[in-house]
């Protein structure tokens, strides 16, 4: 039988990326005594890319987060945010929220250790996991040439003036590929079909760029490289002729979408068809359930940056504090 805590929490924050930690800092400073579920350290979470401290904990150099001239390592930035949350007064639990009931008040959730917690308000900051091809060689060279975020990594020295590969055919691939032309000597766009699925404007923009070399009806079979240099190229298969060719490249950017981590909500909060939480007010963090707020990539299919996630975390904590005050919960 699940163990139940007696007191009702004012706010529970689920997630431990920039949005979750920023929400925790602001909520703690507002004397809300927040409880943060940072996620469990498990093999299942490792395979899904949902270990504690979010996507930044899986990256190396972060050069676009303000306040760190010369950049900062992703894990270091997340550790600093976590420490600041704890110093501000947040309580941190290294477990997942296995199930949650948002249909009755106070909200009830059961974590992966069997503990039952009730809360007046909840901030969902569980992020979105990048979709990858699933190749063993791809996993080997993640953060050593393989990336799922051009804006995050494209300007790094290892990619500058080098040939790069972008995998995908939708708006994300077109946007990522176009962005990478600022830095790459050439961008090889690998797509399984004979035309892009991207919107006509996005497709035209990337295909008219002289640096872009499309590879139609093709798929990446293997990422090539070594321990010293990291990724050095890819082997691509022509799906019509079954012929393979090797492309020299310093990096491969996988742009086949993201999956928001909302499955545990069991459709209790309104989402778009892809699973991203819909905000009731685009300038707030309110969701379809009163007292439930969302911040970061779980509610942001557009920007997906650490700094925008942190900003949304701030907003979510302020929204929660004001909502609790309106309800007379202090």
C-alpha atoms as a PDB file:
ATOM      1  CA  UNK A   1       0.000   0.000   0.000  1.00  0.00           C
ATOM      2  CA  UNK A   2       1.332   3.439  -0.902  1.00  0.00           C
ATOM      3  CA  UNK A   3       2.549   5.570   1.959  1.00  0.00           C
ATOM      4  CA  UNK A   4       0.779   8.929   2.227  1.00  0.00           C
ATOM      5  CA  UNK A   5       2.208  12.182   3.489  1.00  0.00           C
ATOM      6  CA  UNK A   6      -0.065  14.066   5.866  1.00  0.00           C
ATOM      7  CA  UNK A   7       0.304  17.729   4.892  1.00  0.00           C
ATOM      8  CA  UNK A   8      -0.957  19.039   1.569  1.00  0.00           C
ATOM      9  CA  UNK A   9       1.892  20.621  -0.400  1.00  0.00           C
ATOM     10  CA  UNK A  10       1.349  24.168  -1.627  1.00  0.00           C
ATOM     11  CA  UNK A  11       3.133  23.426  -4.891  1.00  0.00           C
ATOM     12  CA  UNK A  12       4.780  20.360  -6.406  1.00  0.00           C
ATOM     13  CA  UNK A  13       7.164  20.875  -9.310  1.00  0.00           C
ATOM     14  CA  UNK A  14       7.621  17.907 -11.652  1.00  0.00           C
ATOM     15  CA  UNK A  15      10.797  18.093 -13.718  1.00  0.00           C
ATOM     16  CA  UNK A  16      14.390  19.178 -13.242  1.00  0.00           C
ATOM     17  CA  UNK A  17      15.530  21.079 -16.302  1.00  0.00           C
ATOM     18  CA  UNK A  18      15.979  24.859 -16.456  1.00  0.00           C
ATOM     19  CA  UNK A  19      12.208  25.373 -16.165  1.00  0.00           C
ATOM     20  CA  UNK A  20      11.840  23.158 -13.105  1.00  0.00           C
ATOM     21  CA  UNK A  21      14.821  24.568 -11.207  1.00  0.00           C
ATOM     22  CA  UNK A  22      13.905  28.182 -11.957  1.00  0.00           C
ATOM     23  CA  UNK A  23      10.347  27.531 -10.812  1.00  0.00           C
ATOM     24  CA  UNK A  24      11.750  25.963  -7.643  1.00  0.00           C
ATOM     25  CA  UNK A  25      13.968  28.982  -6.897  1.00  0.00           C
ATOM     26  CA  UNK A  26      11.122  31.454  -7.341  1.00  0.00           C
ATOM     27  CA  UNK A  27       8.607  29.320  -5.455  1.00  0.00           C
ATOM     28  CA  UNK A  28      11.015  28.834  -2.564  1.00  0.00           C
ATOM     29  CA  UNK A  29      11.717  32.555  -2.372  1.00  0.00           C
ATOM     30  CA  UNK A  30       7.954  33.108  -2.193  1.00  0.00           C
ATOM     31  CA  UNK A  31       7.865  30.858   0.915  1.00  0.00           C
ATOM     32  CA  UNK A  32       5.857  28.164  -0.870  1.00  0.00           C
ATOM     33  CA  UNK A  33       8.219  25.431   0.402  1.00  0.00           C
ATOM     34  CA  UNK A  34       8.137  23.660  -3.000  1.00  0.00           C
ATOM     35  CA  UNK A  35       8.621  19.932  -3.434  1.00  0.00           C
ATOM     36  CA  UNK A  36      10.546  19.074  -6.619  1.00  0.00           C
ATOM     37  CA  UNK A  37      10.380  15.668  -8.291  1.00  0.00           C
ATOM     38  CA  UNK A  38      13.597  15.667 -10.295  1.00  0.00           C
ATOM     39  CA  UNK A  39      13.097  12.177 -11.746  1.00  0.00           C
ATOM     40  CA  UNK A  40      14.496   8.774 -10.919  1.00  0.00           C
ATOM     41  CA  UNK A  41      17.970   7.554 -11.797  1.00  0.00           C
ATOM     42  CA  UNK A  42      17.015   4.419 -13.700  1.00  0.00           C
ATOM     43  CA  UNK A  43      18.010   2.498 -16.795  1.00  0.00           C
ATOM     44  CA  UNK A  44      14.564   3.133 -18.288  1.00  0.00           C
ATOM     45  CA  UNK A  45      15.008   6.894 -17.920  1.00  0.00           C
ATOM     46  CA  UNK A  46      18.526   6.694 -19.351  1.00  0.00           C
ATOM     47  CA  UNK A  47      17.279   4.958 -22.464  1.00  0.00           C
ATOM     48  CA  UNK A  48      14.459   7.473 -22.882  1.00  0.00           C
ATOM     49  CA  UNK A  49      16.754  10.433 -22.288  1.00  0.00           C
ATOM     50  CA  UNK A  50      14.741  11.506 -19.232  1.00  0.00           C
ATOM     51  CA  UNK A  51      17.290  11.254 -16.448  1.00  0.00           C
ATOM     52  CA  UNK A  52      17.286  14.032 -13.803  1.00  0.00           C
ATOM     53  CA  UNK A  53      18.386  17.527 -14.849  1.00  0.00           C
ATOM     54  CA  UNK A  54      16.973  17.403 -18.348  1.00  0.00           C
ATOM     55  CA  UNK A  55      18.445  17.626 -21.825  1.00  0.00           C
ATOM     56  CA  UNK A  56      21.191  20.033 -20.789  1.00  0.00           C
ATOM     57  CA  UNK A  57      22.678  17.332 -18.606  1.00  0.00           C
ATOM     58  CA  UNK A  58      23.207  15.327 -21.809  1.00  0.00           C
ATOM     59  CA  UNK A  59      25.042  18.128 -23.638  1.00  0.00           C
ATOM     60  CA  UNK A  60      28.608  19.376 -23.416  1.00  0.00           C
ATOM     61  CA  UNK A  61      29.276  23.048 -24.156  1.00  0.00           C
ATOM     62  CA  UNK A  62      26.525  25.623 -23.630  1.00  0.00           C
ATOM     63  CA  UNK A  63      27.631  28.920 -25.125  1.00  0.00           C
ATOM     64  CA  UNK A  64      24.321  30.811 -25.344  1.00  0.00           C
ATOM     65  CA  UNK A  65      23.160  30.929 -21.715  1.00  0.00           C
ATOM     66  CA  UNK A  66      23.657  34.480 -20.374  1.00  0.00           C
ATOM     67  CA  UNK A  67      26.162  35.018 -17.595  1.00  0.00           C
ATOM     68  CA  UNK A  68      28.785  32.521 -18.732  1.00  0.00           C
ATOM     69  CA  UNK A  69      31.311  34.209 -21.059  1.00  0.00           C
ATOM     70  CA  UNK A  70      33.164  31.482 -22.915  1.00  0.00           C
ATOM     71  CA  UNK A  71      30.375  29.014 -22.212  1.00  0.00           C
ATOM     72  CA  UNK A  72      29.609  26.468 -19.524  1.00  0.00           C
ATOM     73  CA  UNK A  73      29.259  22.692 -19.547  1.00  0.00           C
ATOM     74  CA  UNK A  74      25.625  21.583 -19.618  1.00  0.00           C
ATOM     75  CA  UNK A  75      25.906  19.314 -16.558  1.00  0.00           C
ATOM     76  CA  UNK A  76      27.705  22.048 -14.593  1.00  0.00           C
ATOM     77  CA  UNK A  77      24.942  24.547 -15.358  1.00  0.00           C
ATOM     78  CA  UNK A  78      22.286  22.091 -14.210  1.00  0.00           C
ATOM     79  CA  UNK A  79      24.167  21.210 -11.023  1.00  0.00           C
ATOM     80  CA  UNK A  80      24.431  24.917 -10.194  1.00  0.00           C
ATOM     81  CA  UNK A  81      20.694  25.394 -10.755  1.00  0.00           C
ATOM     82  CA  UNK A  82      19.920  22.371  -8.587  1.00  0.00           C
ATOM     83  CA  UNK A  83      22.189  23.612  -5.788  1.00  0.00           C
ATOM     84  CA  UNK A  84      20.637  27.072  -5.921  1.00  0.00           C
ATOM     85  CA  UNK A  85      17.169  25.527  -5.703  1.00  0.00           C
ATOM     86  CA  UNK A  86      18.150  23.610  -2.580  1.00  0.00           C
ATOM     87  CA  UNK A  87      19.820  26.651  -1.020  1.00  0.00           C
ATOM     88  CA  UNK A  88      16.662  28.664  -1.688  1.00  0.00           C
ATOM     89  CA  UNK A  89      14.613  26.141   0.258  1.00  0.00           C
ATOM     90  CA  UNK A  90      13.253  23.679  -2.295  1.00  0.00           C
ATOM     91  CA  UNK A  91      12.987  20.028  -1.225  1.00  0.00           C
ATOM     92  CA  UNK A  92      14.185  17.603  -3.881  1.00  0.00           C
ATOM     93  CA  UNK A  93      12.994  14.028  -4.384  1.00  0.00           C
ATOM     94  CA  UNK A  94      14.922  11.805  -6.818  1.00  0.00           C
ATOM     95  CA  UNK A  95      11.893   9.840  -8.008  1.00  0.00           C
ATOM     96  CA  UNK A  96       9.454   9.941 -10.912  1.00  0.00           C
ATOM     97  CA  UNK A  97       5.799  10.833 -10.584  1.00  0.00           C
ATOM     98  CA  UNK A  98       4.354   7.509 -11.664  1.00  0.00           C
ATOM     99  CA  UNK A  99       0.712   8.602 -11.658  1.00  0.00           C
ATOM    100  CA  UNK A 100      -1.260  11.743 -10.929  1.00  0.00           C
ATOM    101  CA  UNK A 101      -4.944  12.518 -10.330  1.00  0.00           C
ATOM    102  CA  UNK A 102      -5.888  16.027 -11.404  1.00  0.00           C
ATOM    103  CA  UNK A 103      -9.642  15.391 -11.344  1.00  0.00           C
ATOM    104  CA  UNK A 104     -10.071  15.989  -7.626  1.00  0.00           C
ATOM    105  CA  UNK A 105      -8.628  18.435  -5.133  1.00  0.00           C
ATOM    106  CA  UNK A 106      -6.163  18.498  -3.643  1.00  0.00           C
ATOM    107  CA  UNK A 107      -4.295  16.863  -6.507  1.00  0.00           C
ATOM    108  CA  UNK A 108      -2.882  13.438  -5.705  1.00  0.00           C
ATOM    109  CA  UNK A 109       0.235  11.811  -7.090  1.00  0.00           C
ATOM    110  CA  UNK A 110       2.097   8.577  -6.440  1.00  0.00           C
ATOM    111  CA  UNK A 111       5.829   8.491  -7.033  1.00  0.00           C
ATOM    112  CA  UNK A 112       8.080   5.660  -8.162  1.00  0.00           C
ATOM    113  CA  UNK A 113       8.922   4.836  -4.529  1.00  0.00           C
ATOM    114  CA  UNK A 114       5.247   4.324  -3.684  1.00  0.00           C
ATOM    115  CA  UNK A 115       4.893   7.593  -1.777  1.00  0.00           C
ATOM    116  CA  UNK A 116       1.570   9.436  -2.151  1.00  0.00           C
ATOM    117  CA  UNK A 117       1.693  13.224  -2.142  1.00  0.00           C
ATOM    118  CA  UNK A 118      -1.171  15.708  -2.291  1.00  0.00           C
ATOM    119  CA  UNK A 119      -0.819  19.264  -3.555  1.00  0.00           C
ATOM    120  CA  UNK A 120      -2.893  22.402  -4.039  1.00  0.00           C
ATOM    121  CA  UNK A 121      -0.985  23.312  -7.212  1.00  0.00           C
ATOM    122  CA  UNK A 122       1.356  21.600  -9.653  1.00  0.00           C
ATOM    123  CA  UNK A 123       3.962  22.925 -12.071  1.00  0.00           C
ATOM    124  CA  UNK A 124       4.698  20.521 -14.931  1.00  0.00           C
ATOM    125  CA  UNK A 125       8.218  21.016 -16.292  1.00  0.00           C
ATOM    126  CA  UNK A 126       9.010  17.550 -17.629  1.00  0.00           C
ATOM    127  CA  UNK A 127      10.460  18.716 -20.942  1.00  0.00           C
ATOM    128  CA  UNK A 128      10.490  17.013 -24.318  1.00  0.00           C
ATOM    129  CA  UNK A 129      12.846  14.296 -25.481  1.00  0.00           C
ATOM    130  CA  UNK A 130      14.468  14.570 -28.889  1.00  0.00           C
ATOM    131  CA  UNK A 131      13.650  11.761 -31.278  1.00  0.00           C
ATOM    132  CA  UNK A 132      16.691   9.916 -32.627  1.00  0.00           C
ATOM    133  CA  UNK A 133      17.131   7.318 -35.348  1.00  0.00           C
ATOM    134  CA  UNK A 134      17.863   4.552 -32.855  1.00  0.00           C
ATOM    135  CA  UNK A 135      21.222   3.505 -34.295  1.00  0.00           C
ATOM    136  CA  UNK A 136      23.836   2.075 -31.953  1.00  0.00           C
ATOM    137  CA  UNK A 137      26.515   4.158 -33.698  1.00  0.00           C
ATOM    138  CA  UNK A 138      24.350   7.263 -33.306  1.00  0.00           C
ATOM    139  CA  UNK A 139      24.152   6.770 -29.542  1.00  0.00           C
ATOM    140  CA  UNK A 140      27.916   6.247 -29.388  1.00  0.00           C
ATOM    141  CA  UNK A 141      28.650   9.663 -30.895  1.00  0.00           C
ATOM    142  CA  UNK A 142      25.973  11.748 -29.136  1.00  0.00           C
ATOM    143  CA  UNK A 143      27.630  14.989 -28.022  1.00  0.00           C
ATOM    144  CA  UNK A 144      30.681  13.961 -30.048  1.00  0.00           C
ATOM    145  CA  UNK A 145      29.279  15.016 -33.404  1.00  0.00           C
ATOM    146  CA  UNK A 146      25.675  13.851 -33.122  1.00  0.00           C
ATOM    147  CA  UNK A 147      23.177  16.422 -31.903  1.00  0.00           C
ATOM    148  CA  UNK A 148      19.451  17.161 -31.985  1.00  0.00           C
ATOM    149  CA  UNK A 149      19.735  20.934 -31.567  1.00  0.00           C
ATOM    150  CA  UNK A 150      21.399  23.132 -34.178  1.00  0.00           C
ATOM    151  CA  UNK A 151      20.772  26.333 -32.226  1.00  0.00           C
ATOM    152  CA  UNK A 152      22.403  24.773 -29.150  1.00  0.00           C
ATOM    153  CA  UNK A 153      25.445  23.259 -30.843  1.00  0.00           C
ATOM    154  CA  UNK A 154      25.788  24.516 -34.423  1.00  0.00           C
ATOM    155  CA  UNK A 155      28.203  27.333 -33.619  1.00  0.00           C
ATOM    156  CA  UNK A 156      30.644  25.107 -31.721  1.00  0.00           C
ATOM    157  CA  UNK A 157      34.196  25.045 -33.135  1.00  0.00           C
ATOM    158  CA  UNK A 158      34.022  21.390 -34.182  1.00  0.00           C
ATOM    159  CA  UNK A 159      31.242  22.213 -36.677  1.00  0.00           C
ATOM    160  CA  UNK A 160      32.508  25.502 -38.112  1.00  0.00           C
ATOM    161  CA  UNK A 161      33.477  25.433 -41.792  1.00  0.00           C
ATOM    162  CA  UNK A 162      32.946  21.664 -41.890  1.00  0.00           C
ATOM    163  CA  UNK A 163      30.445  19.559 -43.840  1.00  0.00           C
ATOM    164  CA  UNK A 164      27.422  18.604 -41.742  1.00  0.00           C
ATOM    165  CA  UNK A 165      24.475  16.232 -42.116  1.00  0.00           C
ATOM    166  CA  UNK A 166      20.857  17.038 -41.251  1.00  0.00           C
ATOM    167  CA  UNK A 167      18.350  14.177 -41.068  1.00  0.00           C
ATOM    168  CA  UNK A 168      14.656  14.899 -41.598  1.00  0.00           C
ATOM    169  CA  UNK A 169      12.176  16.452 -43.978  1.00  0.00           C
ATOM    170  CA  UNK A 170       9.773  18.555 -41.931  1.00  0.00           C
ATOM    171  CA  UNK A 171       9.846  22.141 -40.743  1.00  0.00           C
ATOM    172  CA  UNK A 172      12.312  21.258 -37.982  1.00  0.00           C
ATOM    173  CA  UNK A 173      14.807  19.833 -40.471  1.00  0.00           C
ATOM    174  CA  UNK A 174      14.382  22.795 -42.817  1.00  0.00           C
ATOM    175  CA  UNK A 175      14.855  25.260 -39.977  1.00  0.00           C
ATOM    176  CA  UNK A 176      17.837  23.426 -38.479  1.00  0.00           C
ATOM    177  CA  UNK A 177      19.486  22.981 -41.867  1.00  0.00           C
ATOM    178  CA  UNK A 178      19.026  26.623 -42.816  1.00  0.00           C
ATOM    179  CA  UNK A 179      20.473  27.714 -39.488  1.00  0.00           C
ATOM    180  CA  UNK A 180      23.511  25.454 -39.915  1.00  0.00           C
ATOM    181  CA  UNK A 181      24.395  27.010 -43.286  1.00  0.00           C
ATOM    182  CA  UNK A 182      25.688  29.979 -41.264  1.00  0.00           C
ATOM    183  CA  UNK A 183      28.514  27.810 -39.957  1.00  0.00           C
ATOM    184  CA  UNK A 184      28.928  24.737 -42.164  1.00  0.00           C
ATOM    185  CA  UNK A 185      30.877  24.480 -45.390  1.00  0.00           C
ATOM    186  CA  UNK A 186      28.061  22.261 -46.709  1.00  0.00           C
ATOM    187  CA  UNK A 187      24.839  20.774 -45.350  1.00  0.00           C
ATOM    188  CA  UNK A 188      23.823  17.321 -46.584  1.00  0.00           C
ATOM    189  CA  UNK A 189      20.057  17.022 -46.091  1.00  0.00           C
ATOM    190  CA  UNK A 190      19.083  13.349 -45.810  1.00  0.00           C
ATOM    191  CA  UNK A 191      15.386  12.565 -46.268  1.00  0.00           C
ATOM    192  CA  UNK A 192      13.541   9.277 -46.786  1.00  0.00           C
ATOM    193  CA  UNK A 193      11.141  10.707 -49.372  1.00  0.00           C
ATOM    194  CA  UNK A 194      11.590  12.511 -52.692  1.00  0.00           C
ATOM    195  CA  UNK A 195      10.345  15.851 -51.390  1.00  0.00           C
ATOM    196  CA  UNK A 196      10.237  17.679 -48.073  1.00  0.00           C
ATOM    197  CA  UNK A 197       7.235  17.580 -45.763  1.00  0.00           C
ATOM    198  CA  UNK A 198       8.107  21.092 -44.589  1.00  0.00           C
ATOM    199  CA  UNK A 199       5.846  24.023 -45.374  1.00  0.00           C
ATOM    200  CA  UNK A 200       6.424  25.432 -48.877  1.00  0.00           C
ATOM    201  CA  UNK A 201       8.129  28.569 -47.546  1.00  0.00           C
ATOM    202  CA  UNK A 202      10.525  26.612 -45.323  1.00  0.00           C
ATOM    203  CA  UNK A 203      11.230  24.023 -48.022  1.00  0.00           C
ATOM    204  CA  UNK A 204      11.988  26.670 -50.638  1.00  0.00           C
ATOM    205  CA  UNK A 205      14.275  28.555 -48.280  1.00  0.00           C
ATOM    206  CA  UNK A 206      16.516  25.593 -47.515  1.00  0.00           C
ATOM    207  CA  UNK A 207      16.569  24.097 -51.004  1.00  0.00           C
ATOM    208  CA  UNK A 208      17.562  27.401 -52.602  1.00  0.00           C
ATOM    209  CA  UNK A 209      20.562  27.736 -50.306  1.00  0.00           C
ATOM    210  CA  UNK A 210      23.688  26.915 -52.322  1.00  0.00           C
ATOM    211  CA  UNK A 211      25.306  25.172 -49.337  1.00  0.00           C
ATOM    212  CA  UNK A 212      22.495  22.610 -49.077  1.00  0.00           C
ATOM    213  CA  UNK A 213      22.859  19.279 -50.863  1.00  0.00           C
ATOM    214  CA  UNK A 214      19.677  17.145 -50.596  1.00  0.00           C
ATOM    215  CA  UNK A 215      19.886  13.347 -50.598  1.00  0.00           C
ATOM    216  CA  UNK A 216      16.412  12.131 -51.536  1.00  0.00           C
ATOM    217  CA  UNK A 217      15.002   8.662 -50.808  1.00  0.00           C
ATOM    218  CA  UNK A 218      17.888   8.090 -48.423  1.00  0.00           C
ATOM    219  CA  UNK A 219      18.493   7.031 -44.838  1.00  0.00           C
ATOM    220  CA  UNK A 220      21.500   7.091 -42.530  1.00  0.00           C
ATOM    221  CA  UNK A 221      22.627   3.517 -41.852  1.00  0.00           C
ATOM    222  CA  UNK A 222      25.623   4.187 -39.650  1.00  0.00           C
ATOM    223  CA  UNK A 223      27.509   7.038 -38.004  1.00  0.00           C
ATOM    224  CA  UNK A 224      31.256   6.680 -38.557  1.00  0.00           C
ATOM    225  CA  UNK A 225      34.040   7.930 -36.315  1.00  0.00           C
ATOM    226  CA  UNK A 226      36.526   7.048 -33.615  1.00  0.00           C
ATOM    227  CA  UNK A 227      37.150   7.752 -29.937  1.00  0.00           C
ATOM    228  CA  UNK A 228      39.760  10.413 -30.622  1.00  0.00           C
ATOM    229  CA  UNK A 229      37.988  12.548 -33.242  1.00  0.00           C
ATOM    230  CA  UNK A 230      34.389  11.661 -32.548  1.00  0.00           C
ATOM    231  CA  UNK A 231      32.098  11.487 -35.547  1.00  0.00           C
ATOM    232  CA  UNK A 232      33.810  11.780 -38.943  1.00  0.00           C
ATOM    233  CA  UNK A 233      31.031  10.818 -41.354  1.00  0.00           C
ATOM    234  CA  UNK A 234      27.910   8.794 -42.090  1.00  0.00           C
ATOM    235  CA  UNK A 235      27.017   5.868 -44.304  1.00  0.00           C
ATOM    236  CA  UNK A 236      23.855   6.617 -46.244  1.00  0.00           C
ATOM    237  CA  UNK A 237      21.668   4.101 -48.045  1.00  0.00           C
ATOM    238  CA  UNK A 238      19.660   4.900 -51.159  1.00  0.00           C
ATOM    239  CA  UNK A 239      16.259   3.347 -50.418  1.00  0.00           C
ATOM    240  CA  UNK A 240      15.458   2.824 -54.094  1.00  0.00           C
ATOM    241  CA  UNK A 241      18.709   1.348 -55.395  1.00  0.00           C
ATOM    242  CA  UNK A 242      19.911  -0.076 -52.029  1.00  0.00           C
ATOM    243  CA  UNK A 243      23.334   1.374 -52.790  1.00  0.00           C
ATOM    244  CA  UNK A 244      25.336   2.930 -49.975  1.00  0.00           C
ATOM    245  CA  UNK A 245      27.768   5.817 -49.911  1.00  0.00           C
ATOM    246  CA  UNK A 246      29.915   7.450 -47.252  1.00  0.00           C
ATOM    247  CA  UNK A 247      29.705  11.178 -46.598  1.00  0.00           C
ATOM    248  CA  UNK A 248      32.479  12.902 -44.691  1.00  0.00           C
ATOM    249  CA  UNK A 249      30.954  15.134 -42.025  1.00  0.00           C
ATOM    250  CA  UNK A 250      31.943  16.590 -38.666  1.00  0.00           C
ATOM    251  CA  UNK A 251      28.407  16.407 -37.339  1.00  0.00           C
ATOM    252  CA  UNK A 252      24.940  14.970 -37.784  1.00  0.00           C
ATOM    253  CA  UNK A 253      21.891  16.896 -36.610  1.00  0.00           C
ATOM    254  CA  UNK A 254      18.809  14.735 -36.185  1.00  0.00           C
ATOM    255  CA  UNK A 255      15.680  16.784 -36.807  1.00  0.00           C
ATOM    256  CA  UNK A 256      12.847  14.286 -36.733  1.00  0.00           C
ATOM    257  CA  UNK A 257      10.892  15.926 -33.943  1.00  0.00           C
ATOM    258  CA  UNK A 258      10.562  15.791 -30.177  1.00  0.00           C
ATOM    259  CA  UNK A 259       8.257  13.855 -27.885  1.00  0.00           C
ATOM    260  CA  UNK A 260       6.952  15.870 -24.925  1.00  0.00           C
ATOM    261  CA  UNK A 261       7.100  13.960 -21.658  1.00  0.00           C
ATOM    262  CA  UNK A 262       3.390  14.062 -20.875  1.00  0.00           C
ATOM    263  CA  UNK A 263       2.389  10.402 -20.949  1.00  0.00           C
ATOM    264  CA  UNK A 264       2.142  10.212 -17.139  1.00  0.00           C
ATOM    265  CA  UNK A 265      -0.622  12.860 -17.220  1.00  0.00           C
ATOM    266  CA  UNK A 266      -2.963  10.320 -18.837  1.00  0.00           C
ATOM    267  CA  UNK A 267      -4.761  12.948 -20.964  1.00  0.00           C
ATOM    268  CA  UNK A 268      -5.938  14.948 -17.938  1.00  0.00           C
ATOM    269  CA  UNK A 269      -4.486  18.204 -19.328  1.00  0.00           C
ATOM    270  CA  UNK A 270      -5.256  19.509 -22.808  1.00  0.00           C
ATOM    271  CA  UNK A 271      -2.436  19.010 -25.295  1.00  0.00           C
ATOM    272  CA  UNK A 272      -1.943  19.509 -29.000  1.00  0.00           C
ATOM    273  CA  UNK A 273      -1.910  16.440 -31.293  1.00  0.00           C
ATOM    274  CA  UNK A 274       1.818  15.954 -30.626  1.00  0.00           C
ATOM    275  CA  UNK A 275       1.380  15.929 -26.860  1.00  0.00           C
ATOM    276  CA  UNK A 276       2.612  19.436 -26.019  1.00  0.00           C
ATOM    277  CA  UNK A 277       0.608  21.005 -23.191  1.00  0.00           C
ATOM    278  CA  UNK A 278      -1.637  23.817 -24.414  1.00  0.00           C
ATOM    279  CA  UNK A 279      -1.499  27.054 -22.437  1.00  0.00           C
ATOM    280  CA  UNK A 280      -4.838  28.734 -21.822  1.00  0.00           C
ATOM    281  CA  UNK A 281      -3.216  32.173 -22.102  1.00  0.00           C
ATOM    282  CA  UNK A 282      -0.113  32.516 -24.306  1.00  0.00           C
ATOM    283  CA  UNK A 283       1.331  35.076 -21.888  1.00  0.00           C
ATOM    284  CA  UNK A 284       0.774  32.908 -18.819  1.00  0.00           C
ATOM    285  CA  UNK A 285       1.542  29.308 -17.858  1.00  0.00           C
ATOM    286  CA  UNK A 286      -2.025  28.310 -17.036  1.00  0.00           C
ATOM    287  CA  UNK A 287      -3.329  25.014 -18.425  1.00  0.00           C
ATOM    288  CA  UNK A 288      -6.798  23.564 -18.948  1.00  0.00           C
ATOM    289  CA  UNK A 289      -6.812  22.472 -15.288  1.00  0.00           C
ATOM    290  CA  UNK A 290      -7.046  25.271 -12.729  1.00  0.00           C
ATOM    291  CA  UNK A 291      -4.068  25.146 -10.384  1.00  0.00           C
ATOM    292  CA  UNK A 292      -1.893  23.251 -12.874  1.00  0.00           C
ATOM    293  CA  UNK A 293       0.823  25.220 -14.646  1.00  0.00           C
ATOM    294  CA  UNK A 294       3.276  24.202 -17.358  1.00  0.00           C
ATOM    295  CA  UNK A 295       6.739  25.511 -18.180  1.00  0.00           C
ATOM    296  CA  UNK A 296       9.592  24.756 -20.538  1.00  0.00           C
ATOM    297  CA  UNK A 297       9.791  22.410 -23.492  1.00  0.00           C
ATOM    298  CA  UNK A 298       6.766  20.377 -22.363  1.00  0.00           C
ATOM    299  CA  UNK A 299       4.645  23.375 -23.407  1.00  0.00           C
ATOM    300  CA  UNK A 300       6.954  24.927 -26.015  1.00  0.00           C
ATOM    301  CA  UNK A 301       7.251  23.247 -29.434  1.00  0.00           C
ATOM    302  CA  UNK A 302       8.720  26.411 -30.972  1.00  0.00           C
ATOM    303  CA  UNK A 303      11.826  27.641 -29.124  1.00  0.00           C
ATOM    304  CA  UNK A 304      13.039  24.756 -26.925  1.00  0.00           C
ATOM    305  CA  UNK A 305      15.942  26.732 -25.452  1.00  0.00           C
ATOM    306  CA  UNK A 306      17.333  26.673 -21.927  1.00  0.00           C
ATOM    307  CA  UNK A 307      16.826  30.405 -21.484  1.00  0.00           C
ATOM    308  CA  UNK A 308      13.196  30.363 -22.640  1.00  0.00           C
ATOM    309  CA  UNK A 309      12.507  27.354 -20.418  1.00  0.00           C
ATOM    310  CA  UNK A 310      14.017  29.180 -17.437  1.00  0.00           C
ATOM    311  CA  UNK A 311      11.860  32.219 -18.184  1.00  0.00           C
ATOM    312  CA  UNK A 312       8.748  30.058 -18.298  1.00  0.00           C
ATOM    313  CA  UNK A 313       9.765  28.459 -14.999  1.00  0.00           C
ATOM    314  CA  UNK A 314       9.857  31.900 -13.414  1.00  0.00           C
ATOM    315  CA  UNK A 315       6.413  32.697 -14.825  1.00  0.00           C
ATOM    316  CA  UNK A 316       4.969  29.385 -13.626  1.00  0.00           C
ATOM    317  CA  UNK A 317       6.137  29.961 -10.051  1.00  0.00           C
ATOM    318  CA  UNK A 318       4.720  33.495 -10.043  1.00  0.00           C
ATOM    319  CA  UNK A 319       1.454  32.267 -11.567  1.00  0.00           C
ATOM    320  CA  UNK A 320       1.199  29.514  -8.961  1.00  0.00           C
ATOM    321  CA  UNK A 321       1.963  31.886  -6.080  1.00  0.00           C
ATOM    322  CA  UNK A 322      -0.698  34.365  -7.224  1.00  0.00           C
ATOM    323  CA  UNK A 323      -3.249  31.626  -7.789  1.00  0.00           C
ATOM    324  CA  UNK A 324      -2.619  30.183  -4.309  1.00  0.00           C
ATOM    325  CA  UNK A 325      -2.967  33.670  -2.803  1.00  0.00           C
ATOM    326  CA  UNK A 326      -6.297  34.150  -4.578  1.00  0.00           C
ATOM    327  CA  UNK A 327      -7.467  30.866  -3.005  1.00  0.00           C
ATOM    328  CA  UNK A 328      -6.309  31.983   0.436  1.00  0.00           C
ATOM    329  CA  UNK A 329      -3.514  29.398   0.576  1.00  0.00           C
ATOM    330  CA  UNK A 330      -0.354  30.952   2.022  1.00  0.00           C
END
